C-alpha atoms as a PDB file:
ATOM      1  CA  GLY A   1      -6.283   0.947   4.266  1.00  0.00           C
ATOM      2  CA  SER A   2      -5.011   1.008   0.704  1.00  0.00           C
ATOM      3  CA  PRO A   3      -7.468   2.206  -1.920  1.00  0.00           C
ATOM      4  CA  ASP A   4      -8.228   0.108  -4.978  1.00  0.00           C
ATOM      5  CA  PRO A   5      -5.654   0.723  -7.724  1.00  0.00           C
ATOM      6  CA  GLY A   6      -8.272   1.763 -10.260  1.00  0.00           C
ATOM      7  CA  PHE A   7     -10.228   4.211  -8.152  1.00  0.00           C
ATOM      8  CA  ASP A   8      -8.866   7.336  -6.508  1.00  0.00           C
ATOM      9  CA  TRP A   9     -11.148   8.369  -3.666  1.00  0.00           C
ATOM     10  CA  SER A  10      -9.312  11.662  -3.166  1.00  0.00           C
ATOM     11  CA  ALA A  11      -9.545  12.753  -6.797  1.00  0.00           C
ATOM     12  CA  VAL A  12     -11.996  15.463  -7.698  1.00  0.00           C
ATOM     13  CA  SER A  13     -14.656  14.462 -10.234  1.00  0.00           C
ATOM     14  CA  GLU A  14     -14.695  15.652 -13.824  1.00  0.00           C
ATOM     15  CA  ASP A  15     -18.237  14.704 -14.843  1.00  0.00           C
ATOM     16  CA  ASP A  16     -21.078  17.045 -14.027  1.00  0.00           C
ATOM     17  CA  THR A  17     -24.353  16.634 -15.893  1.00  0.00           C
ATOM     18  CA  THR A  18     -26.368  18.832 -13.546  1.00  0.00           C
ATOM     19  CA  THR A  19     -25.588  22.113 -15.297  1.00  0.00           C
ATOM     20  CA  ASN A  20     -25.001  23.306 -18.839  1.00  0.00           C
ATOM     21  CA  LYS A  21     -23.575  26.638 -17.811  1.00  0.00           C
ATOM     22  CA  GLU A  22     -20.180  26.939 -19.390  1.00  0.00           C
ATOM     23  CA  GLU A  23     -18.859  29.282 -16.727  1.00  0.00           C
ATOM     24  CA  ALA A  24     -19.558  26.753 -13.970  1.00  0.00           C
ATOM     25  CA  HIS A  25     -17.825  24.077 -16.049  1.00  0.00           C
ATOM     26  CA  ARG A  26     -14.833  26.342 -16.595  1.00  0.00           C
ATOM     27  CA  LEU A  27     -14.535  27.179 -12.916  1.00  0.00           C
ATOM     28  CA  ARG A  28     -14.904  23.536 -11.926  1.00  0.00           C
ATOM     29  CA  ARG A  29     -12.100  22.541 -14.282  1.00  0.00           C
ATOM     30  CA  ALA A  30      -9.917  25.350 -12.943  1.00  0.00           C
ATOM     31  CA  GLY A  31     -10.618  24.258  -9.373  1.00  0.00           C
ATOM     32  CA  ASN A  32      -9.772  20.668 -10.244  1.00  0.00           C
ATOM     33  CA  GLN A  33      -6.454  21.791 -11.692  1.00  0.00           C
ATOM     34  CA  MET A  34      -5.597  23.801  -8.581  1.00  0.00           C
ATOM     35  CA  PHE A  35      -6.410  20.756  -6.435  1.00  0.00           C
ATOM     36  CA  ARG A  36      -4.124  18.519  -8.498  1.00  0.00           C
ATOM     37  CA  GLU A  37      -1.318  21.052  -8.192  1.00  0.00           C
ATOM     38  CA  GLY A  38      -1.712  21.098  -4.420  1.00  0.00           C
ATOM     39  CA  ASN A  39      -3.102  24.627  -4.258  1.00  0.00           C
ATOM     40  CA  VAL A  40      -6.068  23.586  -2.129  1.00  0.00           C
ATOM     41  CA  ARG A  41      -6.814  27.061  -0.852  1.00  0.00           C
ATOM     42  CA  GLU A  42      -7.236  28.435  -4.371  1.00  0.00           C
ATOM     43  CA  ALA A  43      -9.290  25.393  -5.370  1.00  0.00           C
ATOM     44  CA  ILE A  44     -11.707  26.132  -2.526  1.00  0.00           C
ATOM     45  CA  ARG A  45     -12.036  29.735  -3.674  1.00  0.00           C
ATOM     46  CA  ILE A  46     -12.724  28.727  -7.277  1.00  0.00           C
ATOM     47  CA  PHE A  47     -15.218  26.025  -6.321  1.00  0.00           C
ATOM     48  CA  GLY A  48     -16.965  28.628  -4.198  1.00  0.00           C
ATOM     49  CA  LEU A  49     -17.333  30.882  -7.237  1.00  0.00           C
ATOM     50  CA  ALA A  50     -18.684  27.969  -9.262  1.00  0.00           C
ATOM     51  CA  LEU A  51     -21.264  27.239  -6.583  1.00  0.00           C
ATOM     52  CA  THR A  52     -22.612  30.772  -6.845  1.00  0.00           C
ATOM     53  CA  ILE A  53     -23.546  29.889 -10.425  1.00  0.00           C
ATOM     54  CA  SER A  54     -24.703  26.325  -9.925  1.00  0.00           C
ATOM     55  CA  GLU A  55     -25.179  24.334  -6.727  1.00  0.00           C
ATOM     56  CA  SER A  56     -23.823  21.189  -8.307  1.00  0.00           C
ATOM     57  CA  PRO A  57     -23.374  18.035  -6.179  1.00  0.00           C
ATOM     58  CA  VAL A  58     -20.139  17.310  -8.036  1.00  0.00           C
ATOM     59  CA  ILE A  59     -18.674  20.709  -7.201  1.00  0.00           C
ATOM     60  CA  LEU A  60     -19.836  20.397  -3.594  1.00  0.00           C
ATOM     61  CA  ALA A  61     -18.201  16.971  -3.323  1.00  0.00           C
ATOM     62  CA  ASN A  62     -15.024  18.382  -4.867  1.00  0.00           C
ATOM     63  CA  ARG A  63     -14.892  21.210  -2.342  1.00  0.00           C
ATOM     64  CA  ALA A  64     -15.527  18.679   0.427  1.00  0.00           C
ATOM     65  CA  ALA A  65     -12.370  16.882  -0.731  1.00  0.00           C
ATOM     66  CA  CYS A  66     -10.472  20.167  -0.375  1.00  0.00           C
ATOM     67  CA  PHE A  67     -11.784  20.734   3.139  1.00  0.00           C
ATOM     68  CA  LEU A  68     -10.764  17.198   4.110  1.00  0.00           C
ATOM     69  CA  ARG A  69      -7.265  17.885   2.791  1.00  0.00           C
ATOM     70  CA  GLN A  70      -7.088  20.945   5.052  1.00  0.00           C
ATOM     71  CA  GLY A  71      -8.485  19.132   8.069  1.00  0.00           C
ATOM     72  CA  ARG A  72     -11.635  21.290   8.079  1.00  0.00           C
ATOM     73  CA  TYR A  73     -13.941  18.391   8.775  1.00  0.00           C
ATOM     74  CA  ALA A  74     -17.063  20.345   9.741  1.00  0.00           C
ATOM     75  CA  GLN A  75     -17.019  22.207   6.417  1.00  0.00           C
ATOM     76  CA  ALA A  76     -16.340  18.969   4.538  1.00  0.00           C
ATOM     77  CA  LEU A  77     -19.295  17.381   6.304  1.00  0.00           C
ATOM     78  CA  GLU A  78     -21.545  20.294   5.371  1.00  0.00           C
ATOM     79  CA  ASP A  79     -20.587  20.288   1.685  1.00  0.00           C
ATOM     80  CA  ALA A  80     -20.833  16.510   1.387  1.00  0.00           C
ATOM     81  CA  THR A  81     -24.267  16.559   3.021  1.00  0.00           C
ATOM     82  CA  ARG A  82     -25.473  19.242   0.604  1.00  0.00           C
ATOM     83  CA  ALA A  83     -24.170  17.140  -2.291  1.00  0.00           C
ATOM     84  CA  ILE A  84     -25.970  14.047  -0.979  1.00  0.00           C
ATOM     85  CA  ASP A  85     -29.190  16.016  -0.564  1.00  0.00           C
ATOM     86  CA  LEU A  86     -28.975  16.914  -4.261  1.00  0.00           C
ATOM     87  CA  ASP A  87     -27.795  13.465  -5.371  1.00  0.00           C
ATOM     88  CA  PRO A  88     -28.242  10.655  -2.809  1.00  0.00           C
ATOM     89  CA  THR A  89     -26.275   8.257  -5.045  1.00  0.00           C
ATOM     90  CA  ASN A  90     -23.124  10.416  -5.185  1.00  0.00           C
ATOM     91  CA  VAL A  91     -20.588   7.829  -4.040  1.00  0.00           C
ATOM     92  CA  LYS A  92     -17.697  10.217  -3.479  1.00  0.00           C
ATOM     93  CA  ALA A  93     -19.855  12.589  -1.452  1.00  0.00           C
ATOM     94  CA  LEU A  94     -20.964   9.672   0.740  1.00  0.00           C
ATOM     95  CA  TYR A  95     -17.370   8.524   1.123  1.00  0.00           C
ATOM     96  CA  ARG A  96     -16.098  11.987   2.003  1.00  0.00           C
ATOM     97  CA  ARG A  97     -18.864  12.569   4.513  1.00  0.00           C
ATOM     98  CA  GLY A  98     -17.931   9.222   6.032  1.00  0.00           C
ATOM     99  CA  VAL A  99     -14.298  10.307   6.326  1.00  0.00           C
ATOM    100  CA  ALA A 100     -15.388  13.587   7.926  1.00  0.00           C
ATOM    101  CA  HIS A 101     -17.519  11.648  10.404  1.00  0.00           C
ATOM    102  CA  MET A 102     -14.532   9.426  11.226  1.00  0.00           C
ATOM    103  CA  ARG A 103     -12.254  12.382  11.833  1.00  0.00           C
ATOM    104  CA  MET A 104     -14.923  13.854  14.120  1.00  0.00           C
ATOM    105  CA  GLU A 105     -15.164  10.501  15.942  1.00  0.00           C
ATOM    106  CA  ARG A 106     -18.720   9.838  14.786  1.00  0.00           C
ATOM    107  CA  TYR A 107     -18.062   6.233  13.872  1.00  0.00           C
ATOM    108  CA  GLU A 108     -21.648   4.995  13.619  1.00  0.00           C
ATOM    109  CA  GLU A 109     -22.541   7.749  11.155  1.00  0.00           C
ATOM    110  CA  ALA A 110     -19.320   7.109   9.240  1.00  0.00           C
ATOM    111  CA  MET A 111     -20.091   3.410   8.937  1.00  0.00           C
ATOM    112  CA  GLN A 112     -23.560   4.209   7.604  1.00  0.00           C
ATOM    113  CA  ASP A 113     -22.111   6.504   4.934  1.00  0.00           C
ATOM    114  CA  PHE A 114     -19.472   3.981   3.862  1.00  0.00           C
ATOM    115  CA  SER A 115     -22.083   1.212   3.727  1.00  0.00           C
ATOM    116  CA  GLN A 116     -24.387   3.362   1.607  1.00  0.00           C
ATOM    117  CA  ALA A 117     -21.509   4.297  -0.693  1.00  0.00           C
ATOM    118  CA  ARG A 118     -20.697   0.621  -1.160  1.00  0.00           C
ATOM    119  CA  VAL A 119     -24.289  -0.051  -2.255  1.00  0.00           C
ATOM    120  CA  TYR A 120     -24.184   2.629  -4.947  1.00  0.00           C
ATOM    121  CA  ALA A 121     -20.562   1.993  -5.960  1.00  0.00           C
ATOM    122  CA  LYS A 122     -21.464  -1.521  -7.158  1.00  0.00           C
ATOM    123  CA  GLY A 123     -17.998  -2.940  -6.644  1.00  0.00           C
ATOM    124  CA  THR A 124     -15.978   0.185  -7.403  1.00  0.00           C
ATOM    125  CA  GLY A 125     -13.579   0.911  -4.564  1.00  0.00           C
ATOM    126  CA  GLU A 126     -14.857  -2.143  -2.702  1.00  0.00           C
ATOM    127  CA  ARG A 127     -11.644  -2.789  -0.786  1.00  0.00           C
ATOM    128  CA  GLU A 128     -11.305   0.774   0.474  1.00  0.00           C
ATOM    129  CA  LEU A 129     -14.939   0.950   1.559  1.00  0.00           C
ATOM    130  CA  SER A 130     -14.777  -2.428   3.271  1.00  0.00           C
ATOM    131  CA  THR A 131     -11.608  -1.358   5.072  1.00  0.00           C
ATOM    132  CA  ARG A 132     -13.227   1.855   6.295  1.00  0.00           C
ATOM    133  CA  ILE A 133     -16.312  -0.008   7.506  1.00  0.00           C
ATOM    134  CA  GLY A 134     -14.088  -2.484   9.340  1.00  0.00           C
ATOM    135  CA  GLU A 135     -12.134   0.328  10.984  1.00  0.00           C
ATOM    136  CA  CYS A 136     -15.330   1.969  12.228  1.00  0.00           C
ATOM    137  CA  GLN A 137     -16.613  -1.333  13.578  1.00  0.00           C
ATOM    138  CA  THR A 138     -13.293  -1.975  15.322  1.00  0.00           C
ATOM    139  CA  VAL A 139     -13.383   1.391  17.083  1.00  0.00           C
ATOM    140  CA  LEU A 140     -17.020   0.914  18.103  1.00  0.00           C
ATOM    141  CA  ASP A 141     -16.212  -2.522  19.518  1.00  0.00           C
ATOM    142  CA  MET A 142     -13.254  -1.088  21.408  1.00  0.00           C
ATOM    143  CA  MET A 143     -15.351   1.721  22.838  1.00  0.00           C
ATOM    144  CA  GLN A 144     -18.011  -0.738  23.930  1.00  0.00           C
ATOM    145  CA  ASN A 145     -15.422  -2.944  25.644  1.00  0.00           C
ATOM    146  CA  ASN A 146     -13.481  -0.007  27.156  1.00  0.00           C
ATOM    147  CA  VAL A 147     -10.377  -1.112  25.278  1.00  0.00           C
ATOM    148  CA  PHE A 148      -9.019   2.438  25.013  1.00  0.00           C
ATOM    149  CA  ASP A 149      -9.161   2.789  28.805  1.00  0.00           C
ATOM    150  CA  ASN A 150      -7.233  -0.452  29.271  1.00  0.00           C
ATOM    151  CA  THR A 151      -4.640   0.047  26.548  1.00  0.00           C
ATOM    152  CA  ILE A 152      -2.109   1.759  28.814  1.00  0.00           C
ATOM    153  CA  ASN A 153      -2.301  -1.040  31.352  1.00  0.00           C
ATOM    154  CA  GLN A 154      -1.904  -3.664  28.645  1.00  0.00           C
ATOM    155  CA  ALA A 155       1.091  -1.857  27.176  1.00  0.00           C
ATOM    156  CA  GLN A 156       2.974  -1.757  30.483  1.00  0.00           C
ATOM    157  CA  GLY A 157       4.269  -5.238  29.772  1.00  0.00           C
ATOM    158  CA  PHE A 158       6.429  -3.822  27.012  1.00  0.00           C
ATOM    159  CA  GLU A 159       8.673  -1.754  29.253  1.00  0.00           C
ATOM    160  CA  ASP A 160      11.555  -4.079  28.404  1.00  0.00           C
ATOM    161  CA  ILE A 161      11.507  -2.855  24.794  1.00  0.00           C
ATOM    162  CA  GLU A 162      14.755  -3.504  22.928  1.00  0.00           C
ATOM    163  CA  MET A 163      17.363  -0.912  23.769  1.00  0.00           C
ATOM    164  CA  GLN A 164      19.531  -1.488  20.722  1.00  0.00           C
ATOM    165  CA  ASP A 165      19.795   1.425  18.307  1.00  0.00           C
ATOM    166  CA  THR A 166      18.945   3.742  21.208  1.00  0.00           C
ATOM    167  CA  PRO A 167      21.038   6.838  21.963  1.00  0.00           C
ATOM    168  CA  LYS A 168      23.051   6.434  25.136  1.00  0.00           C
ATOM    169  CA  HIS A 169      23.029   9.183  27.734  1.00  0.00           C
ATOM    170  CA  SER A 170      24.930   9.765  30.925  1.00  0.00           C
ATOM    171  CA  PRO A 171      23.111   8.676  34.083  1.00  0.00           C
ATOM    172  CA  SER A 172      23.546  12.012  35.821  1.00  0.00           C
ATOM    173  CA  PRO A 173      24.247  15.623  34.820  1.00  0.00           C
ATOM    174  CA  GLY A 174      27.611  15.511  36.547  1.00  0.00           C
ATOM    175  CA  ASN A 175      28.852  12.489  34.655  1.00  0.00           C
ATOM    176  CA  ASP A 176      31.515  13.169  32.048  1.00  0.00           C
ATOM    177  CA  ALA A 177      30.428  10.262  29.855  1.00  0.00           C
ATOM    178  CA  PRO A 178      29.531  11.216  26.269  1.00  0.00           C
ATOM    179  CA  ARG A 179      25.940  12.304  25.798  1.00  0.00           C
ATOM    180  CA  THR A 180      23.863  11.888  22.614  1.00  0.00           C
ATOM    181  CA  ASP A 181      20.960  14.210  21.982  1.00  0.00           C
ATOM    182  CA  TRP A 182      17.847  12.645  20.477  1.00  0.00           C
ATOM    183  CA  ARG A 183      18.032  15.116  17.585  1.00  0.00           C
ATOM    184  CA  SER A 184      21.335  13.623  16.446  1.00  0.00           C
ATOM    185  CA  PHE A 185      19.965  10.085  16.265  1.00  0.00           C
ATOM    186  CA  ASP A 186      18.842   9.300  12.719  1.00  0.00           C
ATOM    187  CA  TRP A 187      16.077   6.792  13.361  1.00  0.00           C
ATOM    188  CA  ARG A 188      15.126   6.881   9.672  1.00  0.00           C
ATOM    189  CA  THR A 189      18.120   4.665   8.918  1.00  0.00           C
ATOM    190  CA  LEU A 190      16.688   1.844  11.021  1.00  0.00           C
ATOM    191  CA  GLU A 191      15.640  -1.067   8.858  1.00  0.00           C
ATOM    192  CA  VAL A 192      12.314  -2.833   9.239  1.00  0.00           C
ATOM    193  CA  GLU A 193      12.944  -6.562   9.157  1.00  0.00           C
ATOM    194  CA  PRO A 194      10.970  -8.565   6.564  1.00  0.00           C
ATOM    195  CA  GLU A 195       9.446 -10.713   9.298  1.00  0.00           C
ATOM    196  CA  TYR A 196       7.915  -7.703  11.087  1.00  0.00           C
ATOM    197  CA  ASP A 197       4.130  -8.017  10.826  1.00  0.00           C
ATOM    198  CA  GLY A 198       3.037  -5.019  12.872  1.00  0.00           C
ATOM    199  CA  PRO A 199       1.609  -1.594  12.006  1.00  0.00           C
ATOM    200  CA  THR A 200       3.708   0.830  10.002  1.00  0.00           C
ATOM    201  CA  ILE A 201       3.773   4.606   9.642  1.00  0.00           C
ATOM    202  CA  GLY A 202       3.581   5.857   6.074  1.00  0.00           C
ATOM    203  CA  ARG A 203       3.826   9.262   4.447  1.00  0.00           C
ATOM    204  CA  ASP A 204       0.585  10.389   6.107  1.00  0.00           C
ATOM    205  CA  GLY A 205       2.171  10.050   9.543  1.00  0.00           C
ATOM    206  CA  ILE A 206       0.288   8.784  12.567  1.00  0.00           C
ATOM    207  CA  THR A 207      -3.256   8.102  11.383  1.00  0.00           C
ATOM    208  CA  LEU A 208      -6.340   6.657  13.021  1.00  0.00           C
ATOM    209  CA  GLU A 209      -5.762   3.463  11.065  1.00  0.00           C
ATOM    210  CA  PHE A 210      -2.254   3.155  12.516  1.00  0.00           C
ATOM    211  CA  VAL A 211      -3.528   3.683  16.076  1.00  0.00           C
ATOM    212  CA  ILE A 212      -6.200   1.006  15.647  1.00  0.00           C
ATOM    213  CA  GLN A 213      -3.674  -1.464  14.247  1.00  0.00           C
ATOM    214  CA  MET A 214      -1.207  -0.640  17.025  1.00  0.00           C
ATOM    215  CA  ILE A 215      -3.810  -1.326  19.712  1.00  0.00           C
ATOM    216  CA  GLN A 216      -4.654  -4.661  18.113  1.00  0.00           C
ATOM    217  CA  HIS A 217      -0.929  -5.420  17.887  1.00  0.00           C
ATOM    218  CA  PHE A 218      -0.460  -4.722  21.601  1.00  0.00           C
ATOM    219  CA  LYS A 219      -3.488  -6.835  22.470  1.00  0.00           C
ATOM    220  CA  ALA A 220      -1.793  -9.715  20.672  1.00  0.00           C
ATOM    221  CA  GLN A 221       1.212  -9.200  22.999  1.00  0.00           C
ATOM    222  CA  LYS A 222       3.425  -7.995  20.151  1.00  0.00           C
ATOM    223  CA  ARG A 223       5.888  -5.126  20.036  1.00  0.00           C
ATOM    224  CA  LEU A 224       5.949  -2.030  17.914  1.00  0.00           C
ATOM    225  CA  HIS A 225       9.030  -1.822  15.729  1.00  0.00           C
ATOM    226  CA  ARG A 226      11.643   0.483  17.219  1.00  0.00           C
ATOM    227  CA  LYS A 227      11.689   2.612  14.049  1.00  0.00           C
ATOM    228  CA  PHE A 228       8.051   3.574  14.507  1.00  0.00           C
ATOM    229  CA  LEU A 229       8.537   3.920  18.246  1.00  0.00           C
ATOM    230  CA  TRP A 230      11.246   6.479  17.515  1.00  0.00           C
ATOM    231  CA  PHE A 231       8.918   8.247  15.072  1.00  0.00           C
ATOM    232  CA  ILE A 232       6.302   8.654  17.801  1.00  0.00           C
ATOM    233  CA  LEU A 233       8.832   9.728  20.441  1.00  0.00           C
ATOM    234  CA  THR A 234      10.401  12.255  18.079  1.00  0.00           C
ATOM    235  CA  GLU A 235       7.015  13.775  17.251  1.00  0.00           C
ATOM    236  CA  ILE A 236       6.201  14.096  20.956  1.00  0.00           C
ATOM    237  CA  LEU A 237       9.577  15.616  21.806  1.00  0.00           C
ATOM    238  CA  MET A 238       9.282  18.130  18.977  1.00  0.00           C
ATOM    239  CA  MET A 239       5.841  19.205  20.208  1.00  0.00           C
ATOM    240  CA  LEU A 240       7.051  19.513  23.793  1.00  0.00           C
ATOM    241  CA  ASN A 241      10.153  21.473  22.778  1.00  0.00           C
ATOM    242  CA  ALA A 242       7.952  23.920  20.878  1.00  0.00           C
ATOM    243  CA  LEU A 243       6.133  24.815  24.077  1.00  0.00           C
ATOM    244  CA  PRO A 244       7.420  27.658  26.259  1.00  0.00           C
ATOM    245  CA  ALA A 245       9.369  26.631  29.352  1.00  0.00           C
ATOM    246  CA  LEU A 246       7.379  29.034  31.495  1.00  0.00           C
ATOM    247  CA  VAL A 247       3.750  29.967  31.133  1.00  0.00           C
ATOM    248  CA  ASN A 248       2.218  33.003  32.799  1.00  0.00           C
ATOM    249  CA  ILE A 249      -1.139  32.251  34.361  1.00  0.00           C
ATOM    250  CA  ARG A 250      -3.331  35.133  35.414  1.00  0.00           C
ATOM    251  CA  LEU A 251      -4.943  34.255  38.717  1.00  0.00           C
ATOM    252  CA  ALA A 252      -8.120  35.729  40.062  1.00  0.00           C
ATOM    253  CA  PRO A 253      -7.648  38.099  43.013  1.00  0.00           C
ATOM    254  CA  PRO A 254      -7.912  36.337  46.376  1.00  0.00           C
ATOM    255  CA  PRO A 255     -11.331  36.541  48.004  1.00  0.00           C
ATOM    256  CA  ASP A 256     -11.935  38.958  50.828  1.00  0.00           C
ATOM    257  CA  PRO A 257     -11.616  36.992  54.098  1.00  0.00           C
ATOM    258  CA  SER A 258     -13.932  39.469  55.780  1.00  0.00           C
ATOM    259  CA  SER A 259     -16.709  38.571  53.385  1.00  0.00           C
ATOM    260  CA  ALA A 260     -19.134  35.934  54.576  1.00  0.00           C
ATOM    261  CA  ARG A 261     -18.981  34.308  51.157  1.00  0.00           C
ATOM    262  CA  GLY A 262     -15.287  34.939  50.603  1.00  0.00           C
ATOM    263  CA  TRP A 263     -14.079  31.436  51.429  1.00  0.00           C
ATOM    264  CA  GLY A 264     -17.340  29.629  51.209  1.00  0.00           C
ATOM    265  CA  PHE A 265     -17.906  29.637  54.967  1.00  0.00           C
ATOM    266  CA  TRP A 266     -21.276  30.503  56.373  1.00  0.00           C
END
């Protein structure tokens, strides 16, 4: 979902009234600056130094934001929980713990954190929090109804997806017809028609929100736009091409046939 224009959930907090120690303030400000500049690793180091001086809930919530940025959800969860223990009304700590819960597929816990954050936020960031709560509820409903298990079967009806703007390839290796490699096809030039009302992939790539929207889109018997289909296929092909063609597997030595237990026969 899109956050409210006036409230940045990812921004580190400036206010900290829990400590008067100037060194902790200085380190917190330095960590905030590193975070804004995209140097998350250095921000984590500086926030860690600040926490040795003062275990501030604001600094803990800030470091939790850094861990989320790195995909270190367990550490983000730990820092956010420590911040909440110190200040149960810390809205950003509640929100970030909720995000960590979501990324760890703990949707009930995430929904509780987002709901609690909405109580203390008093209208601030209402749209983002409501969106997150709705996403958690959607996933929980899907899990209860086994929707994820049935998604593949439901999507089989879309095998006749439009073939326009698709690279052509020869039907057999021996055919002399021209062949187009998928790498040479610039799917980014495909235009999304104004009437398209399905899920889209933004700068964050394939997110949980996109997957949820895509499942709902398929359930409504609608098609994914070919541009985003190509995005997904390209990501998969790049991952597969990065894997080695051959993998050595070390097998255990064969059991001794003369042993009574060698083959499980008695």
